[in-house]
Amino acid sequence: SERTLSSTVGWFRQAPGKEREFVAAITRVGSSTDYA
């Protein structure tokens, strides 16, 4: 929904046998982006 994806959204990934790791994010305020 728009309400959900207007929030800060991130992508993570998890390979077999590894912990879930951060990939990318886009913030609610200002739509700033950040990447691994």
PDB file of all heavy atoms in Angstrom:
ATOM      1  N   SER A   1       0.828  -1.201   0.000  1.00  0.00           N
ATOM      2  CA  SER A   1       0.000   0.000   0.000  1.00  0.00           C
ATOM      3  C   SER A   1       0.866   1.257   0.000  1.00  0.00           C
ATOM      4  O   SER A   1       2.040   1.216   0.378  1.00  0.00           O
ATOM      5  CB  SER A   1      -0.903   0.003   1.237  1.00  0.00           C
ATOM      6  OG  SER A   1      -0.114   0.192   2.400  1.00  0.00           O
ATOM      7  N   GLU A   2       0.256   2.370  -0.421  1.00  0.00           N
ATOM      8  CA  GLU A   2       0.995   3.632  -0.417  1.00  0.00           C
ATOM      9  C   GLU A   2       1.444   3.990   0.998  1.00  0.00           C
ATOM     10  O   GLU A   2       2.570   4.477   1.197  1.00  0.00           O
ATOM     11  CB  GLU A   2       0.107   4.752  -0.970  1.00  0.00           C
ATOM     12  CG  GLU A   2       0.784   6.119  -0.940  1.00  0.00           C
ATOM     13  CD  GLU A   2      -0.155   7.227  -1.333  1.00  0.00           C
ATOM     14  OE1 GLU A   2      -1.329   6.940  -1.664  1.00  0.00           O
ATOM     15  OE2 GLU A   2       0.274   8.392  -1.314  1.00  0.00           O
ATOM     16  N   ARG A   3       0.601   3.751   1.969  1.00  0.00           N
ATOM     17  CA  ARG A   3       0.954   4.082   3.346  1.00  0.00           C
ATOM     18  C   ARG A   3       2.217   3.324   3.775  1.00  0.00           C
ATOM     19  O   ARG A   3       3.103   3.866   4.419  1.00  0.00           O
ATOM     20  CB  ARG A   3      -0.198   3.744   4.280  1.00  0.00           C
ATOM     21  CG  ARG A   3       0.111   4.043   5.735  1.00  0.00           C
ATOM     22  CD  ARG A   3      -1.115   3.862   6.600  1.00  0.00           C
ATOM     23  NE  ARG A   3      -0.831   4.185   8.001  1.00  0.00           N
ATOM     24  CZ  ARG A   3      -1.754   4.243   8.942  1.00  0.00           C
ATOM     25  NH1 ARG A   3      -3.011   4.005   8.640  1.00  0.00           N
ATOM     26  NH2 ARG A   3      -1.428   4.542  10.181  1.00  0.00           N
ATOM     27  N   THR A   4       2.290   2.059   3.384  1.00  0.00           N
ATOM     28  CA  THR A   4       3.434   1.244   3.773  1.00  0.00           C
ATOM     29  C   THR A   4       4.702   1.684   3.053  1.00  0.00           C
ATOM     30  O   THR A   4       5.762   1.852   3.665  1.00  0.00           O
ATOM     31  CB  THR A   4       3.157  -0.231   3.479  1.00  0.00           C
ATOM     32  OG1 THR A   4       2.073  -0.670   4.306  1.00  0.00           O
ATOM     33  CG2 THR A   4       4.378  -1.093   3.757  1.00  0.00           C
ATOM     34  N   LEU A   5       4.599   1.885   1.737  1.00  0.00           N
ATOM     35  CA  LEU A   5       5.806   2.170   0.961  1.00  0.00           C
ATOM     36  C   LEU A   5       6.189   3.634   0.967  1.00  0.00           C
ATOM     37  O   LEU A   5       7.201   4.005   0.377  1.00  0.00           O
ATOM     38  CB  LEU A   5       5.655   1.641  -0.459  1.00  0.00           C
ATOM     39  CG  LEU A   5       5.593   0.109  -0.543  1.00  0.00           C
ATOM     40  CD1 LEU A   5       5.585  -0.343  -1.991  1.00  0.00           C
ATOM     41  CD2 LEU A   5       6.729  -0.541   0.210  1.00  0.00           C
ATOM     42  N   SER A   6       5.406   4.467   1.642  1.00  0.00           N
ATOM     43  CA  SER A   6       5.835   5.839   1.887  1.00  0.00           C
ATOM     44  C   SER A   6       6.789   5.902   3.070  1.00  0.00           C
ATOM     45  O   SER A   6       7.442   6.923   3.291  1.00  0.00           O
ATOM     46  CB  SER A   6       4.628   6.742   2.176  1.00  0.00           C
ATOM     47  OG  SER A   6       3.803   6.851   1.047  1.00  0.00           O
ATOM     48  N   SER A   7       6.859   4.806   3.813  1.00  0.00           N
ATOM     49  CA  SER A   7       7.769   4.753   4.959  1.00  0.00           C
ATOM     50  C   SER A   7       9.197   4.494   4.465  1.00  0.00           C
ATOM     51  O   SER A   7       9.444   4.386   3.269  1.00  0.00           O
ATOM     52  CB  SER A   7       7.351   3.620   5.899  1.00  0.00           C
ATOM     53  OG  SER A   7       7.599   2.352   5.290  1.00  0.00           O
ATOM     54  N   THR A   8      10.128   4.375   5.395  1.00  0.00           N
ATOM     55  CA  THR A   8      11.489   3.975   5.025  1.00  0.00           C
ATOM     56  C   THR A   8      11.468   2.493   4.651  1.00  0.00           C
ATOM     57  O   THR A   8      10.990   1.662   5.429  1.00  0.00           O
ATOM     58  CB  THR A   8      12.465   4.225   6.171  1.00  0.00           C
ATOM     59  OG1 THR A   8      12.585   5.641   6.372  1.00  0.00           O
ATOM     60  CG2 THR A   8      13.836   3.627   5.885  1.00  0.00           C
ATOM     61  N   VAL A   9      11.953   2.199   3.459  1.00  0.00           N
ATOM     62  CA  VAL A   9      11.929   0.854   2.901  1.00  0.00           C
ATOM     63  C   VAL A   9      13.351   0.382   2.644  1.00  0.00           C
ATOM     64  O   VAL A   9      14.200   1.156   2.190  1.00  0.00           O
ATOM     65  CB  VAL A   9      11.121   0.835   1.587  1.00  0.00           C
ATOM     66  CG1 VAL A   9      11.163  -0.556   0.952  1.00  0.00           C
ATOM     67  CG2 VAL A   9       9.681   1.257   1.844  1.00  0.00           C
ATOM     68  N   GLY A  10      13.596  -0.868   2.924  1.00  0.00           N
ATOM     69  CA  GLY A  10      14.920  -1.423   2.706  1.00  0.00           C
ATOM     70  C   GLY A  10      14.871  -2.747   1.971  1.00  0.00           C
ATOM     71  O   GLY A  10      13.817  -3.403   1.922  1.00  0.00           O
ATOM     72  N   TRP A  11      15.983  -3.102   1.383  1.00  0.00           N
ATOM     73  CA  TRP A  11      16.183  -4.431   0.818  1.00  0.00           C
ATOM     74  C   TRP A  11      17.329  -5.101   1.581  1.00  0.00           C
ATOM     75  O   TRP A  11      18.370  -4.471   1.814  1.00  0.00           O
ATOM     76  CB  TRP A  11      16.543  -4.359  -0.667  1.00  0.00           C
ATOM     77  CG  TRP A  11      15.397  -4.044  -1.576  1.00  0.00           C
ATOM     78  CD1 TRP A  11      15.025  -2.822  -2.033  1.00  0.00           C
ATOM     79  CD2 TRP A  11      14.475  -4.983  -2.143  1.00  0.00           C
ATOM     80  NE1 TRP A  11      13.937  -2.946  -2.853  1.00  0.00           N
ATOM     81  CE2 TRP A  11      13.580  -4.255  -2.942  1.00  0.00           C
ATOM     82  CE3 TRP A  11      14.324  -6.370  -2.063  1.00  0.00           C
ATOM     83  CZ2 TRP A  11      12.534  -4.858  -3.650  1.00  0.00           C
ATOM     84  CZ3 TRP A  11      13.300  -6.972  -2.765  1.00  0.00           C
ATOM     85  CH2 TRP A  11      12.410  -6.214  -3.549  1.00  0.00           C
ATOM     86  N   PHE A  12      17.091  -6.336   1.944  1.00  0.00           N
ATOM     87  CA  PHE A  12      18.108  -7.154   2.582  1.00  0.00           C
ATOM     88  C   PHE A  12      18.257  -8.437   1.774  1.00  0.00           C
ATOM     89  O   PHE A  12      17.406  -8.762   0.943  1.00  0.00           O
ATOM     90  CB  PHE A  12      17.691  -7.509   4.024  1.00  0.00           C
ATOM     91  CG  PHE A  12      17.797  -6.371   4.982  1.00  0.00           C
ATOM     92  CD1 PHE A  12      16.890  -5.325   4.963  1.00  0.00           C
ATOM     93  CD2 PHE A  12      18.811  -6.329   5.929  1.00  0.00           C
ATOM     94  CE1 PHE A  12      16.987  -4.269   5.850  1.00  0.00           C
ATOM     95  CE2 PHE A  12      18.920  -5.274   6.827  1.00  0.00           C
ATOM     96  CZ  PHE A  12      17.997  -4.243   6.779  1.00  0.00           C
ATOM     97  N   ARG A  13      19.314  -9.178   2.042  1.00  0.00           N
ATOM     98  CA  ARG A  13      19.463 -10.471   1.381  1.00  0.00           C
ATOM     99  C   ARG A  13      20.087 -11.468   2.345  1.00  0.00           C
ATOM    100  O   ARG A  13      20.775 -11.090   3.294  1.00  0.00           O
ATOM    101  CB  ARG A  13      20.321 -10.353   0.124  1.00  0.00           C
ATOM    102  CG  ARG A  13      21.781  -9.960   0.368  1.00  0.00           C
ATOM    103  CD  ARG A  13      22.482  -9.691  -0.964  1.00  0.00           C
ATOM    104  NE  ARG A  13      23.895  -9.355  -0.770  1.00  0.00           N
ATOM    105  CZ  ARG A  13      24.686  -8.950  -1.757  1.00  0.00           C
ATOM    106  NH1 ARG A  13      24.221  -8.845  -3.009  1.00  0.00           N
ATOM    107  NH2 ARG A  13      25.946  -8.667  -1.498  1.00  0.00           N
ATOM    108  N   GLN A  14      19.812 -12.732   2.067  1.00  0.00           N
ATOM    109  CA  GLN A  14      20.343 -13.791   2.911  1.00  0.00           C
ATOM    110  C   GLN A  14      20.742 -14.976   2.047  1.00  0.00           C
ATOM    111  O   GLN A  14      19.907 -15.557   1.358  1.00  0.00           O
ATOM    112  CB  GLN A  14      19.313 -14.218   3.956  1.00  0.00           C
ATOM    113  CG  GLN A  14      19.849 -15.167   4.997  1.00  0.00           C
ATOM    114  CD  GLN A  14      18.918 -15.293   6.192  1.00  0.00           C
ATOM    115  OE1 GLN A  14      17.730 -14.944   6.131  1.00  0.00           O
ATOM    116  NE2 GLN A  14      19.447 -15.775   7.304  1.00  0.00           N
ATOM    117  N   ALA A  15      22.016 -15.289   2.095  1.00  0.00           N
ATOM    118  CA  ALA A  15      22.543 -16.452   1.389  1.00  0.00           C
ATOM    119  C   ALA A  15      22.529 -17.654   2.332  1.00  0.00           C
ATOM    120  O   ALA A  15      22.519 -17.484   3.558  1.00  0.00           O
ATOM    121  CB  ALA A  15      23.959 -16.173   0.908  1.00  0.00           C
ATOM    122  N   PRO A  16      22.525 -18.868   1.788  1.00  0.00           N
ATOM    123  CA  PRO A  16      22.498 -20.056   2.646  1.00  0.00           C
ATOM    124  C   PRO A  16      23.645 -20.065   3.651  1.00  0.00           C
ATOM    125  O   PRO A  16      24.801 -19.819   3.297  1.00  0.00           O
ATOM    126  CB  PRO A  16      22.640 -21.199   1.641  1.00  0.00           C
ATOM    127  CG  PRO A  16      22.101 -20.667   0.371  1.00  0.00           C
ATOM    128  CD  PRO A  16      22.484 -19.219   0.357  1.00  0.00           C
ATOM    129  N   GLY A  17      23.315 -20.303   4.906  1.00  0.00           N
ATOM    130  CA  GLY A  17      24.328 -20.380   5.949  1.00  0.00           C
ATOM    131  C   GLY A  17      24.859 -19.044   6.433  1.00  0.00           C
ATOM    132  O   GLY A  17      25.773 -19.001   7.257  1.00  0.00           O
ATOM    133  N   LYS A  18      24.301 -17.962   5.921  1.00  0.00           N
ATOM    134  CA  LYS A  18      24.772 -16.623   6.308  1.00  0.00           C
ATOM    135  C   LYS A  18      23.653 -15.828   6.951  1.00  0.00           C
ATOM    136  O   LYS A  18      22.474 -16.137   6.793  1.00  0.00           O
ATOM    137  CB  LYS A  18      25.317 -15.883   5.093  1.00  0.00           C
ATOM    138  CG  LYS A  18      26.574 -16.514   4.494  1.00  0.00           C
ATOM    139  CD  LYS A  18      27.170 -15.624   3.442  1.00  0.00           C
ATOM    140  CE  LYS A  18      28.475 -16.196   2.912  1.00  0.00           C
ATOM    141  NZ  LYS A  18      29.092 -15.306   1.882  1.00  0.00           N
ATOM    142  N   GLU A  19      24.032 -14.767   7.661  1.00  0.00           N
ATOM    143  CA  GLU A  19      23.054 -13.892   8.274  1.00  0.00           C
ATOM    144  C   GLU A  19      22.439 -12.974   7.215  1.00  0.00           C
ATOM    145  O   GLU A  19      23.036 -12.707   6.178  1.00  0.00           O
ATOM    146  CB  GLU A  19      23.713 -13.059   9.378  1.00  0.00           C
ATOM    147  CG  GLU A  19      24.185 -13.880  10.564  1.00  0.00           C
ATOM    148  CD  GLU A  19      24.662 -12.992  11.707  1.00  0.00           C
ATOM    149  OE1 GLU A  19      24.766 -11.774  11.518  1.00  0.00           O
ATOM    150  OE2 GLU A  19      24.935 -13.543  12.789  1.00  0.00           O
ATOM    151  N   ARG A  20      21.257 -12.483   7.535  1.00  0.00           N
ATOM    152  CA  ARG A  20      20.603 -11.524   6.650  1.00  0.00           C
ATOM    153  C   ARG A  20      21.407 -10.225   6.669  1.00  0.00           C
ATOM    154  O   ARG A  20      21.756  -9.725   7.751  1.00  0.00           O
ATOM    155  CB  ARG A  20      19.172 -11.284   7.124  1.00  0.00           C
ATOM    156  CG  ARG A  20      18.311 -10.548   6.126  1.00  0.00           C
ATOM    157  CD  ARG A  20      16.839 -10.610   6.529  1.00  0.00           C
ATOM    158  NE  ARG A  20      16.323 -11.975   6.506  1.00  0.00           N
ATOM    159  CZ  ARG A  20      15.032 -12.277   6.610  1.00  0.00           C
ATOM    160  NH1 ARG A  20      14.136 -11.314   6.733  1.00  0.00           N
ATOM    161  NH2 ARG A  20      14.632 -13.528   6.606  1.00  0.00           N
ATOM    162  N   GLU A  21      21.692  -9.690   5.488  1.00  0.00           N
ATOM    163  CA  GLU A  21      22.524  -8.490   5.413  1.00  0.00           C
ATOM    164  C   GLU A  21      21.814  -7.377   4.646  1.00  0.00           C
ATOM    165  O   GLU A  21      21.032  -7.618   3.729  1.00  0.00           O
ATOM    166  CB  GLU A  21      23.873  -8.795   4.742  1.00  0.00           C
ATOM    167  CG  GLU A  21      23.791  -9.213   3.293  1.00  0.00           C
ATOM    168  CD  GLU A  21      25.173  -9.345   2.648  1.00  0.00           C
ATOM    169  OE1 GLU A  21      26.193  -9.175   3.339  1.00  0.00           O
ATOM    170  OE2 GLU A  21      25.216  -9.622   1.434  1.00  0.00           O
ATOM    171  N   PHE A  22      22.155  -6.170   5.022  1.00  0.00           N
ATOM    172  CA  PHE A  22      21.595  -4.971   4.398  1.00  0.00           C
ATOM    173  C   PHE A  22      22.103  -4.822   2.971  1.00  0.00           C
ATOM    174  O   PHE A  22      23.278  -5.077   2.690  1.00  0.00           O
ATOM    175  CB  PHE A  22      21.992  -3.751   5.223  1.00  0.00           C
ATOM    176  CG  PHE A  22      21.703  -2.440   4.561  1.00  0.00           C
ATOM    177  CD1 PHE A  22      20.405  -1.962   4.474  1.00  0.00           C
ATOM    178  CD2 PHE A  22      22.725  -1.678   4.017  1.00  0.00           C
ATOM    179  CE1 PHE A  22      20.132  -0.756   3.863  1.00  0.00           C
ATOM    180  CE2 PHE A  22      22.462  -0.460   3.411  1.00  0.00           C
ATOM    181  CZ  PHE A  22      21.173  -0.005   3.335  1.00  0.00           C
ATOM    182  N   VAL A  23      21.214  -4.393   2.086  1.00  0.00           N
ATOM    183  CA  VAL A  23      21.580  -4.128   0.697  1.00  0.00           C
ATOM    184  C   VAL A  23      21.371  -2.657   0.351  1.00  0.00           C
ATOM    185  O   VAL A  23      22.291  -1.988  -0.118  1.00  0.00           O
ATOM    186  CB  VAL A  23      20.752  -5.012  -0.263  1.00  0.00           C
ATOM    187  CG1 VAL A  23      21.061  -4.649  -1.717  1.00  0.00           C
ATOM    188  CG2 VAL A  23      21.022  -6.486  -0.007  1.00  0.00           C
ATOM    189  N   ALA A  24      20.166  -2.151   0.593  1.00  0.00           N
ATOM    190  CA  ALA A  24      19.855  -0.773   0.209  1.00  0.00           C
ATOM    191  C   ALA A  24      18.639  -0.298   0.985  1.00  0.00           C
ATOM    192  O   ALA A  24      17.832  -1.102   1.459  1.00  0.00           O
ATOM    193  CB  ALA A  24      19.581  -0.674  -1.293  1.00  0.00           C
ATOM    194  N   ALA A  25      18.505   1.030   1.105  1.00  0.00           N
ATOM    195  CA  ALA A  25      17.348   1.615   1.770  1.00  0.00           C
ATOM    196  C   ALA A  25      17.030   2.963   1.160  1.00  0.00           C
ATOM    197  O   ALA A  25      17.911   3.646   0.619  1.00  0.00           O
ATOM    198  CB  ALA A  25      17.593   1.761   3.265  1.00  0.00           C
ATOM    199  N   ILE A  26      15.750   3.343   1.259  1.00  0.00           N
ATOM    200  CA  ILE A  26      15.295   4.667   0.854  1.00  0.00           C
ATOM    201  C   ILE A  26      14.438   5.196   1.985  1.00  0.00           C
ATOM    202  O   ILE A  26      13.524   4.520   2.458  1.00  0.00           O
ATOM    203  CB  ILE A  26      14.542   4.613  -0.495  1.00  0.00           C
ATOM    204  CG1 ILE A  26      14.128   6.009  -0.939  1.00  0.00           C
ATOM    205  CG2 ILE A  26      13.360   3.660  -0.447  1.00  0.00           C
ATOM    206  CD1 ILE A  26      13.675   6.074  -2.398  1.00  0.00           C
ATOM    207  N   THR A  27      14.742   6.413   2.458  1.00  0.00           N
ATOM    208  CA  THR A  27      14.092   6.919   3.654  1.00  0.00           C
ATOM    209  C   THR A  27      12.751   7.586   3.359  1.00  0.00           C
ATOM    210  O   THR A  27      12.503   8.075   2.253  1.00  0.00           O
ATOM    211  CB  THR A  27      14.987   7.925   4.387  1.00  0.00           C
ATOM    212  OG1 THR A  27      15.207   9.067   3.530  1.00  0.00           O
ATOM    213  CG2 THR A  27      16.321   7.317   4.760  1.00  0.00           C
ATOM    214  N   ARG A  28      11.905   7.609   4.381  1.00  0.00           N
ATOM    215  CA  ARG A  28      10.629   8.311   4.267  1.00  0.00           C
ATOM    216  C   ARG A  28      10.845   9.805   4.099  1.00  0.00           C
ATOM    217  O   ARG A  28      10.184  10.445   3.281  1.00  0.00           O
ATOM    218  CB  ARG A  28       9.782   8.042   5.519  1.00  0.00           C
ATOM    219  CG  ARG A  28       8.467   8.810   5.552  1.00  0.00           C
ATOM    220  CD  ARG A  28       7.645   8.479   6.787  1.00  0.00           C
ATOM    221  NE  ARG A  28       8.318   8.875   8.021  1.00  0.00           N
ATOM    222  CZ  ARG A  28       8.310  10.102   8.511  1.00  0.00           C
ATOM    223  NH1 ARG A  28       7.679  11.071   7.872  1.00  0.00           N
ATOM    224  NH2 ARG A  28       8.925  10.370   9.640  1.00  0.00           N
ATOM    225  N   VAL A  29      11.753  10.344   4.915  1.00  0.00           N
ATOM    226  CA  VAL A  29      12.006  11.780   4.887  1.00  0.00           C
ATOM    227  C   VAL A  29      13.094  12.073   3.859  1.00  0.00           C
ATOM    228  O   VAL A  29      14.242  11.621   3.996  1.00  0.00           O
ATOM    229  CB  VAL A  29      12.440  12.296   6.272  1.00  0.00           C
ATOM    230  CG1 VAL A  29      12.678  13.802   6.213  1.00  0.00           C
ATOM    231  CG2 VAL A  29      11.380  11.950   7.315  1.00  0.00           C
ATOM    232  N   GLY A  30      12.733  12.763   2.830  1.00  0.00           N
ATOM    233  CA  GLY A  30      13.704  13.190   1.834  1.00  0.00           C
ATOM    234  C   GLY A  30      14.077  12.163   0.792  1.00  0.00           C
ATOM    235  O   GLY A  30      14.827  12.449  -0.133  1.00  0.00           O
ATOM    236  N   SER A  31      13.569  10.934   0.948  1.00  0.00           N
ATOM    237  CA  SER A  31      13.892   9.841   0.013  1.00  0.00           C
ATOM    238  C   SER A  31      15.401   9.709  -0.198  1.00  0.00           C
ATOM    239  O   SER A  31      15.881   9.507  -1.321  1.00  0.00           O
ATOM    240  CB  SER A  31      13.188  10.061  -1.327  1.00  0.00           C
ATOM    241  OG  SER A  31      11.792   9.891  -1.189  1.00  0.00           O
ATOM    242  N   SER A  32      16.140   9.829   0.892  1.00  0.00           N
ATOM    243  CA  SER A  32      17.585   9.591   0.804  1.00  0.00           C
ATOM    244  C   SER A  32      17.841   8.106   0.615  1.00  0.00           C
ATOM    245  O   SER A  32      17.099   7.264   1.133  1.00  0.00           O
ATOM    246  CB  SER A  32      18.277  10.066   2.085  1.00  0.00           C
ATOM    247  OG  SER A  32      18.132  11.446   2.244  1.00  0.00           O
ATOM    248  N   THR A  33      18.885   7.788  -0.120  1.00  0.00           N
ATOM    249  CA  THR A  33      19.215   6.380  -0.363  1.00  0.00           C
ATOM    250  C   THR A  33      20.549   6.014   0.284  1.00  0.00           C
ATOM    251  O   THR A  33      21.424   6.868   0.464  1.00  0.00           O
ATOM    252  CB  THR A  33      19.266   6.073  -1.862  1.00  0.00           C
ATOM    253  OG1 THR A  33      20.209   6.943  -2.492  1.00  0.00           O
ATOM    254  CG2 THR A  33      17.895   6.273  -2.501  1.00  0.00           C
ATOM    255  N   ASP A  34      20.668   4.754   0.615  1.00  0.00           N
ATOM    256  CA  ASP A  34      21.894   4.259   1.221  1.00  0.00           C
ATOM    257  C   ASP A  34      22.123   2.846   0.693  1.00  0.00           C
ATOM    258  O   ASP A  34      21.166   2.119   0.438  1.00  0.00           O
ATOM    259  CB  ASP A  34      21.769   4.245   2.745  1.00  0.00           C
ATOM    260  CG  ASP A  34      23.103   4.110   3.446  1.00  0.00           C
ATOM    261  OD1 ASP A  34      24.154   4.193   2.773  1.00  0.00           O
ATOM    262  OD2 ASP A  34      23.105   3.903   4.677  1.00  0.00           O
ATOM    263  N   TYR A  35      23.390   2.479   0.544  1.00  0.00           N
ATOM    264  CA  TYR A  35      23.725   1.186  -0.044  1.00  0.00           C
ATOM    265  C   TYR A  35      24.848   0.512   0.728  1.00  0.00           C
ATOM    266  O   TYR A  35      25.737   1.176   1.284  1.00  0.00           O
ATOM    267  CB  TYR A  35      24.178   1.370  -1.503  1.00  0.00           C
ATOM    268  CG  TYR A  35      23.122   1.952  -2.401  1.00  0.00           C
ATOM    269  CD1 TYR A  35      23.033   3.322  -2.597  1.00  0.00           C
ATOM    270  CD2 TYR A  35      22.200   1.127  -3.041  1.00  0.00           C
ATOM    271  CE1 TYR A  35      22.053   3.868  -3.415  1.00  0.00           C
ATOM    272  CE2 TYR A  35      21.215   1.659  -3.856  1.00  0.00           C
ATOM    273  CZ  TYR A  35      21.151   3.029  -4.030  1.00  0.00           C
ATOM    274  OH  TYR A  35      20.177   3.566  -4.835  1.00  0.00           O
ATOM    275  N   ALA A  36      24.821  -0.801   0.720  1.00  0.00           N
ATOM    276  CA  ALA A  36      25.966  -1.549   1.220  1.00  0.00           C
ATOM    277  C   ALA A  36      27.144  -1.302   0.283  1.00  0.00           C
ATOM    278  O   ALA A  36      26.966  -1.139  -0.931  1.00  0.00           O
ATOM    279  CB  ALA A  36      25.634  -3.037   1.284  1.00  0.00           C
TER     280      ALA A  36
END
